[in-house]
Amino acid sequence: MEHIDVELKASREFRQKMIDYLGLKGGCDVKESVWRIMAHIISHDLSKTMNWRGINGKVPFCQLQLKEIVNAAVRRNRLTSDATDKEVEKASKDGSICQGIEMVVARKEDPLGGVLMITTRG
């Protein structure tokens, strides 16, 4: 997780590629867009180790560069282009990140979706 955060800080090109790629994941509203994006970048196992604020020793998603990537990618979707940071934050916090990934998997969509999947394995 730290490696991807460092890379996102260091490379504007990498940031933009991630935003462009994840912005194509779709969704008919902010919540679905956020969860589709999360399912493509965070493995199920890793999602169990994070929450919004990092409570109980978990990774604080709100402090990661990925949060900004998710915000920007949600806005690339024409149906959610006017989403505020607060709406994206609320969608990220509604249930857990883990539940969002389970929702996508239950719909039989490919949770791996691309080469950007981040897992708990270094």
C-alpha atoms as a PDB file:
ATOM      1  CA  MET A   1       0.000   0.000   0.000  1.00  0.00           C
ATOM      2  CA  GLU A   2       2.810   2.391   0.847  1.00  0.00           C
ATOM      3  CA  HIS A   3       4.483   1.736  -2.502  1.00  0.00           C
ATOM      4  CA  ILE A   4       1.409   2.734  -4.498  1.00  0.00           C
ATOM      5  CA  ASP A   5       0.920   5.854  -2.364  1.00  0.00           C
ATOM      6  CA  VAL A   6       4.539   6.919  -2.946  1.00  0.00           C
ATOM      7  CA  GLU A   7       4.194   6.291  -6.677  1.00  0.00           C
ATOM      8  CA  LEU A   8       0.988   8.331  -6.834  1.00  0.00           C
ATOM      9  CA  LYS A   9       2.717  11.244  -5.089  1.00  0.00           C
ATOM     10  CA  ALA A  10       5.797  11.045  -7.299  1.00  0.00           C
ATOM     11  CA  SER A  11       4.344  10.545 -10.761  1.00  0.00           C
ATOM     12  CA  ARG A  12       1.721  12.848 -12.212  1.00  0.00           C
ATOM     13  CA  GLU A  13       1.568  10.593 -15.284  1.00  0.00           C
ATOM     14  CA  PHE A  14       0.817   7.501 -13.166  1.00  0.00           C
ATOM     15  CA  ARG A  15      -1.895   9.422 -11.256  1.00  0.00           C
ATOM     16  CA  GLN A  16      -3.559  10.482 -14.491  1.00  0.00           C
ATOM     17  CA  LYS A  17      -3.402   6.973 -15.960  1.00  0.00           C
ATOM     18  CA  MET A  18      -5.102   5.578 -12.866  1.00  0.00           C
ATOM     19  CA  ILE A  19      -7.790   8.270 -12.946  1.00  0.00           C
ATOM     20  CA  ASP A  20      -8.444   7.680 -16.647  1.00  0.00           C
ATOM     21  CA  TYR A  21      -8.568   3.892 -16.232  1.00  0.00           C
ATOM     22  CA  LEU A  22     -10.753   3.880 -13.124  1.00  0.00           C
ATOM     23  CA  GLY A  23     -13.023   6.572 -14.500  1.00  0.00           C
ATOM     24  CA  LEU A  24     -14.236   4.043 -17.057  1.00  0.00           C
ATOM     25  CA  LYS A  25     -15.571   1.626 -14.427  1.00  0.00           C
ATOM     26  CA  GLY A  26     -18.990   3.262 -14.518  1.00  0.00           C
ATOM     27  CA  GLY A  27     -21.874   3.235 -12.107  1.00  0.00           C
ATOM     28  CA  CYS A  28     -25.272   4.892 -12.204  1.00  0.00           C
ATOM     29  CA  ASP A  29     -24.711   6.935  -9.032  1.00  0.00           C
ATOM     30  CA  VAL A  30     -21.873   8.027  -6.760  1.00  0.00           C
ATOM     31  CA  LYS A  31     -22.128   5.029  -4.422  1.00  0.00           C
ATOM     32  CA  GLU A  32     -22.029   2.459  -7.195  1.00  0.00           C
ATOM     33  CA  SER A  33     -19.191   4.302  -8.940  1.00  0.00           C
ATOM     34  CA  VAL A  34     -17.109   4.384  -5.758  1.00  0.00           C
ATOM     35  CA  TRP A  35     -17.695   0.707  -5.058  1.00  0.00           C
ATOM     36  CA  ARG A  36     -16.912  -0.340  -8.630  1.00  0.00           C
ATOM     37  CA  ILE A  37     -13.660   1.613  -8.502  1.00  0.00           C
ATOM     38  CA  MET A  38     -12.715   0.182  -5.097  1.00  0.00           C
ATOM     39  CA  ALA A  39     -13.377  -3.345  -6.314  1.00  0.00           C
ATOM     40  CA  HIS A  40     -10.874  -2.795  -9.104  1.00  0.00           C
ATOM     41  CA  ILE A  41      -8.059  -1.434  -6.972  1.00  0.00           C
ATOM     42  CA  ILE A  42      -8.345  -3.104  -3.572  1.00  0.00           C
ATOM     43  CA  SER A  43      -8.446  -6.838  -2.945  1.00  0.00           C
ATOM     44  CA  HIS A  44     -11.060  -8.310  -0.629  1.00  0.00           C
ATOM     45  CA  ASP A  45      -8.398  -9.253   1.944  1.00  0.00           C
ATOM     46  CA  LEU A  46      -6.862  -5.776   1.927  1.00  0.00           C
ATOM     47  CA  SER A  47     -10.277  -4.172   2.256  1.00  0.00           C
ATOM     48  CA  LYS A  48     -10.657  -5.896   5.629  1.00  0.00           C
ATOM     49  CA  THR A  49      -7.593  -4.032   6.918  1.00  0.00           C
ATOM     50  CA  MET A  50      -8.877  -0.509   6.144  1.00  0.00           C
ATOM     51  CA  ASN A  51     -11.563   1.889   7.136  1.00  0.00           C
ATOM     52  CA  TRP A  52     -12.127   5.591   6.558  1.00  0.00           C
ATOM     53  CA  ARG A  53     -10.291   6.910   9.638  1.00  0.00           C
ATOM     54  CA  GLY A  54      -7.956   4.042  10.525  1.00  0.00           C
ATOM     55  CA  ILE A  55      -9.852   3.136  13.678  1.00  0.00           C
ATOM     56  CA  ASN A  56      -8.676   0.019  15.568  1.00  0.00           C
ATOM     57  CA  GLY A  57      -5.253   0.027  13.927  1.00  0.00           C
ATOM     58  CA  LYS A  58      -6.587  -0.247  10.386  1.00  0.00           C
ATOM     59  CA  VAL A  59      -5.200   1.658   7.404  1.00  0.00           C
ATOM     60  CA  PRO A  60      -6.843   5.114   7.227  1.00  0.00           C
ATOM     61  CA  PHE A  61      -8.204   5.352   3.692  1.00  0.00           C
ATOM     62  CA  CYS A  62      -8.880   9.083   4.130  1.00  0.00           C
ATOM     63  CA  GLN A  63      -5.122   9.743   4.315  1.00  0.00           C
ATOM     64  CA  LEU A  64      -4.147   7.772   1.217  1.00  0.00           C
ATOM     65  CA  GLN A  65      -3.484   9.241  -2.209  1.00  0.00           C
ATOM     66  CA  LEU A  66      -5.947   6.629  -3.453  1.00  0.00           C
ATOM     67  CA  LYS A  67      -8.737   8.692  -1.906  1.00  0.00           C
ATOM     68  CA  GLU A  68      -7.933  11.542  -4.301  1.00  0.00           C
ATOM     69  CA  ILE A  69      -7.720   9.103  -7.213  1.00  0.00           C
ATOM     70  CA  VAL A  70     -11.162   7.714  -6.361  1.00  0.00           C
ATOM     71  CA  ASN A  71     -12.607  11.250  -6.124  1.00  0.00           C
ATOM     72  CA  ALA A  72     -11.212  12.192  -9.526  1.00  0.00           C
ATOM     73  CA  ALA A  73     -12.191   8.889 -11.155  1.00  0.00           C
ATOM     74  CA  VAL A  74     -15.795   9.178  -9.926  1.00  0.00           C
ATOM     75  CA  ARG A  75     -15.967  12.590 -11.611  1.00  0.00           C
ATOM     76  CA  ARG A  76     -14.824  11.102 -14.930  1.00  0.00           C
ATOM     77  CA  ASN A  77     -18.136   9.211 -15.116  1.00  0.00           C
ATOM     78  CA  ARG A  78     -20.642  11.449 -16.924  1.00  0.00           C
ATOM     79  CA  LEU A  79     -23.407  10.351 -14.528  1.00  0.00           C
ATOM     80  CA  THR A  80     -21.403  11.407 -11.468  1.00  0.00           C
ATOM     81  CA  SER A  81     -19.303  14.230 -12.897  1.00  0.00           C
ATOM     82  CA  ASP A  82     -20.665  16.772 -10.437  1.00  0.00           C
ATOM     83  CA  ALA A  83     -20.067  14.618  -7.328  1.00  0.00           C
ATOM     84  CA  THR A  84     -18.647  16.497  -4.365  1.00  0.00           C
ATOM     85  CA  ASP A  85     -15.843  15.216  -2.143  1.00  0.00           C
ATOM     86  CA  LYS A  86     -18.436  14.835   0.615  1.00  0.00           C
ATOM     87  CA  GLU A  87     -20.661  12.603  -1.557  1.00  0.00           C
ATOM     88  CA  VAL A  88     -17.716  10.403  -2.487  1.00  0.00           C
ATOM     89  CA  GLU A  89     -16.663  10.234   1.166  1.00  0.00           C
ATOM     90  CA  LYS A  90     -20.188   9.243   2.220  1.00  0.00           C
ATOM     91  CA  ALA A  91     -20.306   6.522  -0.439  1.00  0.00           C
ATOM     92  CA  SER A  92     -16.927   5.256   0.768  1.00  0.00           C
ATOM     93  CA  LYS A  93     -18.177   5.127   4.349  1.00  0.00           C
ATOM     94  CA  ASP A  94     -21.650   3.648   3.681  1.00  0.00           C
ATOM     95  CA  GLY A  95     -21.059   0.140   4.910  1.00  0.00           C
ATOM     96  CA  SER A  96     -17.421  -0.821   4.712  1.00  0.00           C
ATOM     97  CA  ILE A  97     -15.076  -0.869   1.780  1.00  0.00           C
ATOM     98  CA  CYS A  98     -15.224  -4.645   2.181  1.00  0.00           C
ATOM     99  CA  GLN A  99     -19.019  -4.636   1.756  1.00  0.00           C
ATOM    100  CA  GLY A 100     -18.681  -2.584  -1.396  1.00  0.00           C
ATOM    101  CA  ILE A 101     -16.369  -5.149  -2.906  1.00  0.00           C
ATOM    102  CA  GLU A 102     -18.728  -7.952  -1.877  1.00  0.00           C
ATOM    103  CA  MET A 103     -21.576  -6.110  -3.638  1.00  0.00           C
ATOM    104  CA  VAL A 104     -19.655  -6.032  -6.892  1.00  0.00           C
ATOM    105  CA  VAL A 105     -18.611  -9.683  -6.598  1.00  0.00           C
ATOM    106  CA  ALA A 106     -22.209 -10.693  -5.865  1.00  0.00           C
ATOM    107  CA  ARG A 107     -23.182  -9.126  -9.187  1.00  0.00           C
ATOM    108  CA  LYS A 108     -20.678 -11.488 -10.828  1.00  0.00           C
ATOM    109  CA  GLU A 109     -18.464  -8.709 -12.051  1.00  0.00           C
ATOM    110  CA  ASP A 110     -14.733  -9.318 -12.211  1.00  0.00           C
ATOM    111  CA  PRO A 111     -13.323  -7.917  -8.951  1.00  0.00           C
ATOM    112  CA  LEU A 112      -9.791  -8.104 -10.345  1.00  0.00           C
ATOM    113  CA  GLY A 113     -10.740  -5.963 -13.317  1.00  0.00           C
ATOM    114  CA  GLY A 114      -7.226  -4.848 -14.166  1.00  0.00           C
ATOM    115  CA  VAL A 115      -3.569  -4.727 -13.324  1.00  0.00           C
ATOM    116  CA  LEU A 116      -4.088  -2.088 -10.640  1.00  0.00           C
ATOM    117  CA  MET A 117      -5.379  -4.510  -7.985  1.00  0.00           C
ATOM    118  CA  ILE A 118      -3.622  -3.853  -4.684  1.00  0.00           C
ATOM    119  CA  THR A 119      -3.348  -6.827  -2.362  1.00  0.00           C
ATOM    120  CA  THR A 120      -2.018  -7.491   1.117  1.00  0.00           C
ATOM    121  CA  ARG A 121       0.971  -9.242  -0.397  1.00  0.00           C
ATOM    122  CA  GLY A 122       3.825  -6.792  -0.862  1.00  0.00           C
END
